[in-house]
């Protein structure tokens, strides 16, 4: 920012113009420069505030990116430990349940 702005409010305030016999009215020039200085100070303050805000947003973005990486890693870990249930798994479970249920019934009938 500092390299792009060549004048400071103080530079404008201290600027002296050469007085010519047919020059501008000194009072009007001073009033106009006072307005410019006021605006310039406001612009400078706005720029500083925006720079601070930008830095805060950059920090927040970095924190959110880190949090996102952590969540993705947690999801990957959870997916890795979780088994996919396939049709074959379901058929095995049903078969085991049938053996348990029908196996008990056959034993009861034999007694």
N, C-alpha and C. Protein backbone atom coordinates (compact mmCIF):
# COMPACT_ATOMS: atom_id res chain seq x y z
N UNK A 1 0.84 -1.19 0.00
CA UNK A 1 0.00 0.00 0.00
C UNK A 1 0.88 1.24 0.00
N UNK A 2 1.93 1.23 0.81
CA UNK A 2 2.75 2.43 0.94
C UNK A 2 3.42 2.79 -0.37
N UNK A 3 3.80 1.84 -1.19
CA UNK A 3 4.47 2.12 -2.45
C UNK A 3 3.55 2.69 -3.51
N UNK A 4 2.26 2.48 -3.39
CA UNK A 4 1.30 2.94 -4.39
C UNK A 4 0.82 4.36 -4.15
N UNK A 5 0.89 4.81 -2.91
CA UNK A 5 0.42 6.16 -2.58
C UNK A 5 1.65 7.05 -2.43
N UNK A 6 1.72 8.09 -3.24
CA UNK A 6 2.91 8.93 -3.23
C UNK A 6 2.81 10.10 -2.25
N UNK A 7 1.62 10.50 -1.89
CA UNK A 7 1.45 11.64 -0.99
C UNK A 7 0.79 11.21 0.31
N UNK A 8 1.21 11.85 1.37
CA UNK A 8 0.54 11.67 2.66
C UNK A 8 -0.26 12.93 2.93
N UNK A 9 -1.21 12.88 3.86
CA UNK A 9 -1.93 14.11 4.20
C UNK A 9 -0.98 15.23 4.62
N UNK A 10 0.10 14.86 5.28
CA UNK A 10 1.08 15.86 5.73
C UNK A 10 1.79 16.50 4.53
N UNK A 11 2.10 15.70 3.49
CA UNK A 11 2.72 16.25 2.27
C UNK A 11 1.82 17.31 1.63
N UNK A 12 0.54 17.02 1.59
CA UNK A 12 -0.40 17.97 0.99
C UNK A 12 -0.47 19.23 1.85
N UNK A 13 -0.50 19.03 3.15
CA UNK A 13 -0.59 20.17 4.06
C UNK A 13 0.62 21.09 3.94
N UNK A 14 1.77 20.53 3.80
CA UNK A 14 3.01 21.32 3.78
C UNK A 14 3.40 21.81 2.39
N UNK A 15 2.66 21.49 1.38
CA UNK A 15 2.99 21.91 0.02
C UNK A 15 2.88 23.43 -0.11
N UNK A 16 3.94 24.04 -0.59
CA UNK A 16 3.96 25.49 -0.84
C UNK A 16 3.98 25.73 -2.34
N UNK A 17 3.14 26.62 -2.77
CA UNK A 17 3.10 27.00 -4.18
C UNK A 17 3.82 28.34 -4.34
N UNK A 18 4.44 28.50 -5.47
CA UNK A 18 5.09 29.77 -5.77
C UNK A 18 4.00 30.80 -6.06
N UNK A 19 4.19 31.96 -5.52
CA UNK A 19 3.20 33.02 -5.71
C UNK A 19 3.60 33.82 -6.94
N UNK A 20 2.64 33.96 -7.80
CA UNK A 20 2.83 34.73 -9.03
C UNK A 20 1.93 35.95 -8.97
N UNK A 21 2.22 36.93 -9.74
CA UNK A 21 1.38 38.12 -9.72
C UNK A 21 -0.01 37.83 -10.23
N UNK A 22 -0.13 36.91 -11.11
CA UNK A 22 -1.45 36.58 -11.64
C UNK A 22 -1.87 35.18 -11.20
N UNK A 23 -1.47 34.77 -10.00
CA UNK A 23 -1.75 33.43 -9.50
C UNK A 23 -3.15 33.31 -8.91
N UNK A 24 -3.40 32.15 -8.36
CA UNK A 24 -4.69 31.87 -7.73
C UNK A 24 -4.79 32.59 -6.40
N UNK A 25 -6.02 32.69 -5.93
CA UNK A 25 -6.22 33.26 -4.60
C UNK A 25 -5.74 32.26 -3.57
N UNK A 26 -4.84 32.69 -2.76
CA UNK A 26 -4.20 31.81 -1.79
C UNK A 26 -5.21 31.19 -0.82
N UNK A 27 -6.21 31.93 -0.40
CA UNK A 27 -7.21 31.45 0.54
C UNK A 27 -8.03 30.31 -0.08
N UNK A 28 -8.41 30.45 -1.35
CA UNK A 28 -9.18 29.40 -2.02
C UNK A 28 -8.36 28.13 -2.17
N UNK A 29 -7.09 28.30 -2.53
CA UNK A 29 -6.22 27.12 -2.66
C UNK A 29 -6.09 26.42 -1.32
N UNK A 30 -5.88 27.16 -0.25
CA UNK A 30 -5.75 26.57 1.08
C UNK A 30 -7.02 25.83 1.50
N UNK A 31 -8.19 26.42 1.23
CA UNK A 31 -9.45 25.77 1.59
C UNK A 31 -9.63 24.47 0.81
N UNK A 32 -9.30 24.52 -0.47
CA UNK A 32 -9.44 23.32 -1.30
C UNK A 32 -8.47 22.24 -0.83
N UNK A 33 -7.23 22.63 -0.54
CA UNK A 33 -6.26 21.65 -0.05
C UNK A 33 -6.68 21.09 1.30
N UNK A 34 -7.32 21.88 2.14
CA UNK A 34 -7.82 21.38 3.42
C UNK A 34 -8.88 20.30 3.20
N UNK A 35 -9.74 20.50 2.22
CA UNK A 35 -10.74 19.48 1.87
C UNK A 35 -10.06 18.22 1.38
N UNK A 36 -9.06 18.39 0.51
CA UNK A 36 -8.34 17.23 -0.02
C UNK A 36 -7.65 16.47 1.11
N UNK A 37 -7.05 17.20 2.03
CA UNK A 37 -6.38 16.55 3.16
C UNK A 37 -7.39 15.75 3.99
N UNK A 38 -8.55 16.33 4.26
CA UNK A 38 -9.58 15.63 5.02
C UNK A 38 -10.00 14.33 4.34
N UNK A 39 -10.26 14.43 3.02
CA UNK A 39 -10.64 13.23 2.27
C UNK A 39 -9.50 12.21 2.26
N UNK A 40 -8.31 12.70 2.04
CA UNK A 40 -7.14 11.84 1.98
C UNK A 40 -6.96 11.09 3.29
N UNK A 41 -7.14 11.77 4.42
CA UNK A 41 -7.04 11.11 5.72
C UNK A 41 -8.11 10.04 5.88
N UNK A 42 -9.31 10.34 5.40
CA UNK A 42 -10.39 9.35 5.45
C UNK A 42 -10.05 8.12 4.60
N UNK A 43 -9.55 8.36 3.38
CA UNK A 43 -9.16 7.25 2.51
C UNK A 43 -8.06 6.41 3.15
N UNK A 44 -7.09 7.09 3.73
CA UNK A 44 -5.98 6.40 4.36
C UNK A 44 -6.49 5.53 5.52
N UNK A 45 -7.40 6.06 6.32
CA UNK A 45 -7.97 5.31 7.44
C UNK A 45 -8.78 4.11 6.94
N UNK A 46 -9.56 4.33 5.88
CA UNK A 46 -10.35 3.23 5.31
C UNK A 46 -9.43 2.12 4.82
N UNK A 47 -8.36 2.50 4.15
CA UNK A 47 -7.41 1.51 3.63
C UNK A 47 -6.79 0.72 4.77
N UNK A 48 -6.38 1.41 5.83
CA UNK A 48 -5.80 0.71 6.98
C UNK A 48 -6.79 -0.26 7.60
N UNK A 49 -8.04 0.17 7.75
CA UNK A 49 -9.07 -0.72 8.32
C UNK A 49 -9.30 -1.93 7.43
N UNK A 50 -9.32 -1.71 6.13
CA UNK A 50 -9.53 -2.83 5.20
C UNK A 50 -8.35 -3.80 5.22
N UNK A 51 -7.15 -3.28 5.37
CA UNK A 51 -5.97 -4.14 5.47
C UNK A 51 -6.06 -5.02 6.72
N UNK A 52 -6.46 -4.43 7.85
CA UNK A 52 -6.62 -5.20 9.08
C UNK A 52 -7.70 -6.26 8.92
N UNK A 53 -8.80 -5.87 8.30
CA UNK A 53 -9.91 -6.79 8.07
C UNK A 53 -9.47 -7.94 7.15
N UNK A 54 -8.70 -7.59 6.13
CA UNK A 54 -8.20 -8.61 5.20
C UNK A 54 -7.32 -9.61 5.93
N UNK A 55 -6.44 -9.13 6.79
CA UNK A 55 -5.57 -10.02 7.56
C UNK A 55 -6.40 -10.95 8.45
N UNK A 56 -7.44 -10.40 9.07
CA UNK A 56 -8.30 -11.23 9.93
C UNK A 56 -9.00 -12.30 9.10
N UNK A 57 -9.46 -11.93 7.92
CA UNK A 57 -10.12 -12.91 7.04
C UNK A 57 -9.15 -13.98 6.56
N UNK A 58 -7.92 -13.60 6.29
CA UNK A 58 -6.92 -14.57 5.86
C UNK A 58 -6.66 -15.58 6.98
N UNK A 59 -6.55 -15.08 8.21
CA UNK A 59 -6.35 -15.98 9.35
C UNK A 59 -7.54 -16.93 9.51
N UNK A 60 -8.74 -16.38 9.36
CA UNK A 60 -9.95 -17.20 9.49
C UNK A 60 -10.00 -18.26 8.40
N UNK A 61 -9.63 -17.89 7.19
CA UNK A 61 -9.61 -18.85 6.08
C UNK A 61 -8.61 -19.97 6.36
N UNK A 62 -7.45 -19.60 6.86
CA UNK A 62 -6.44 -20.61 7.17
C UNK A 62 -6.95 -21.56 8.25
N UNK A 63 -7.61 -21.02 9.27
CA UNK A 63 -8.16 -21.88 10.33
C UNK A 63 -9.25 -22.80 9.78
N UNK A 64 -10.11 -22.25 8.92
CA UNK A 64 -11.17 -23.08 8.35
C UNK A 64 -10.62 -24.16 7.42
N UNK A 65 -9.57 -23.82 6.67
CA UNK A 65 -8.94 -24.83 5.81
C UNK A 65 -8.35 -25.95 6.65
N UNK A 66 -7.71 -25.60 7.75
CA UNK A 66 -7.14 -26.62 8.63
C UNK A 66 -8.24 -27.49 9.23
N UNK A 67 -9.32 -26.85 9.65
CA UNK A 67 -10.45 -27.59 10.21
C UNK A 67 -11.05 -28.53 9.16
N UNK A 68 -11.15 -28.06 7.92
CA UNK A 68 -11.68 -28.89 6.84
C UNK A 68 -10.78 -30.09 6.60
N UNK A 69 -9.45 -29.87 6.61
CA UNK A 69 -8.51 -30.98 6.44
C UNK A 69 -8.69 -32.00 7.56
N UNK A 70 -8.86 -31.52 8.78
CA UNK A 70 -9.04 -32.43 9.92
C UNK A 70 -10.33 -33.23 9.78
N UNK A 71 -11.39 -32.58 9.35
CA UNK A 71 -12.67 -33.28 9.18
C UNK A 71 -12.56 -34.32 8.07
N UNK A 72 -11.92 -33.95 6.96
CA UNK A 72 -11.75 -34.92 5.87
C UNK A 72 -10.94 -36.12 6.33
N UNK A 73 -9.91 -35.85 7.13
CA UNK A 73 -9.09 -36.95 7.63
C UNK A 73 -9.91 -37.84 8.55
N UNK A 74 -10.73 -37.24 9.39
CA UNK A 74 -11.59 -38.02 10.29
C UNK A 74 -12.58 -38.86 9.50
N UNK A 75 -13.12 -38.29 8.44
CA UNK A 75 -14.07 -39.03 7.59
C UNK A 75 -13.37 -40.21 6.93
N UNK A 76 -12.15 -39.97 6.43
CA UNK A 76 -11.40 -41.06 5.80
C UNK A 76 -11.10 -42.17 6.79
N UNK A 77 -10.75 -41.79 8.00
CA UNK A 77 -10.48 -42.80 9.03
C UNK A 77 -11.75 -43.58 9.35
N UNK A 78 -12.87 -42.87 9.47
CA UNK A 78 -14.14 -43.53 9.78
C UNK A 78 -14.56 -44.46 8.65
N UNK A 79 -14.34 -44.04 7.42
CA UNK A 79 -14.70 -44.90 6.28
C UNK A 79 -13.82 -46.14 6.25
N UNK A 80 -12.56 -45.98 6.59
CA UNK A 80 -11.64 -47.11 6.57
C UNK A 80 -11.99 -48.16 7.60
N UNK A 81 -12.50 -47.76 8.74
CA UNK A 81 -12.84 -48.72 9.80
C UNK A 81 -14.23 -49.31 9.61
N UNK A 82 -15.04 -48.69 8.81
CA UNK A 82 -16.40 -49.14 8.59
C UNK A 82 -16.43 -50.16 7.45
N UNK A 83 -17.04 -51.33 7.71
CA UNK A 83 -17.14 -52.34 6.65
C UNK A 83 -18.37 -52.05 5.81
N UNK A 84 -18.23 -52.32 4.54
CA UNK A 84 -19.39 -52.19 3.67
C UNK A 84 -20.22 -53.46 3.80
N UNK A 85 -21.50 -53.30 3.91
CA UNK A 85 -22.39 -54.43 4.01
C UNK A 85 -22.83 -54.79 2.60
N UNK A 86 -22.49 -56.00 2.20
CA UNK A 86 -22.85 -56.46 0.86
C UNK A 86 -24.00 -57.45 0.97
N UNK A 87 -24.53 -57.82 -0.16
CA UNK A 87 -25.61 -58.81 -0.19
C UNK A 87 -25.12 -60.14 0.37
N UNK A 88 -23.86 -60.47 0.11
CA UNK A 88 -23.30 -61.71 0.62
C UNK A 88 -23.29 -61.72 2.14
N UNK A 89 -22.94 -60.57 2.73
CA UNK A 89 -22.94 -60.47 4.20
C UNK A 89 -24.35 -60.67 4.75
N UNK A 90 -25.32 -60.11 4.11
CA UNK A 90 -26.71 -60.25 4.56
C UNK A 90 -27.16 -61.71 4.44
N UNK A 91 -26.81 -62.36 3.34
CA UNK A 91 -27.17 -63.78 3.18
C UNK A 91 -26.51 -64.65 4.24
N UNK A 92 -25.26 -64.38 4.60
CA UNK A 92 -24.58 -65.14 5.64
C UNK A 92 -25.28 -64.95 6.99
N UNK A 93 -25.65 -63.72 7.26
CA UNK A 93 -26.34 -63.44 8.53
C UNK A 93 -27.69 -64.18 8.59
N UNK A 94 -28.41 -64.16 7.50
CA UNK A 94 -29.71 -64.86 7.45
C UNK A 94 -29.50 -66.36 7.62
N UNK A 95 -28.47 -66.86 6.96
CA UNK A 95 -28.17 -68.29 7.08
C UNK A 95 -27.84 -68.66 8.51
N UNK A 96 -27.03 -67.86 9.16
CA UNK A 96 -26.68 -68.13 10.56
C UNK A 96 -27.91 -68.07 11.45
N UNK A 97 -28.77 -67.09 11.21
CA UNK A 97 -30.00 -66.99 12.00
C UNK A 97 -30.90 -68.20 11.77
N UNK A 98 -30.99 -68.65 10.53
CA UNK A 98 -31.81 -69.84 10.24
C UNK A 98 -31.25 -71.06 10.96
N UNK A 99 -29.93 -71.20 10.96
CA UNK A 99 -29.32 -72.34 11.65
C UNK A 99 -29.65 -72.29 13.13
N UNK A 100 -29.58 -71.09 13.70
CA UNK A 100 -29.87 -70.95 15.13
C UNK A 100 -31.33 -71.28 15.40
N UNK A 101 -32.23 -70.69 14.60
CA UNK A 101 -33.66 -70.89 14.84
C UNK A 101 -34.06 -72.32 14.53
N UNK A 102 -33.72 -72.82 13.36
CA UNK A 102 -34.13 -74.17 12.97
C UNK A 102 -33.34 -75.24 13.69
N UNK A 103 -32.12 -74.92 14.05
CA UNK A 103 -31.31 -75.88 14.80
C UNK A 103 -31.92 -76.14 16.17
N UNK A 104 -32.43 -75.10 16.82
CA UNK A 104 -33.06 -75.26 18.12
C UNK A 104 -34.35 -76.03 17.99
N UNK A 105 -35.11 -75.80 16.93
CA UNK A 105 -36.39 -76.49 16.74
C UNK A 105 -36.16 -77.96 16.53
N UNK A 106 -35.10 -78.33 15.75
CA UNK A 106 -34.80 -79.75 15.50
C UNK A 106 -34.39 -80.43 16.78
N UNK A 107 -33.59 -79.74 17.63
CA UNK A 107 -33.16 -80.31 18.88
C UNK A 107 -34.35 -80.53 19.82
N UNK A 108 -35.30 -79.57 19.81
CA UNK A 108 -36.48 -79.69 20.67
C UNK A 108 -37.35 -80.84 20.22
N UNK A 109 -37.44 -81.07 18.89
CA UNK A 109 -38.26 -82.15 18.37
C UNK A 109 -37.65 -83.51 18.70
N UNK A 110 -36.33 -83.59 18.69
CA UNK A 110 -35.64 -84.85 18.97
C UNK A 110 -35.83 -85.24 20.43
N UNK A 111 -35.99 -84.31 21.31
CA UNK A 111 -36.10 -84.62 22.74
C UNK A 111 -37.48 -85.07 23.01
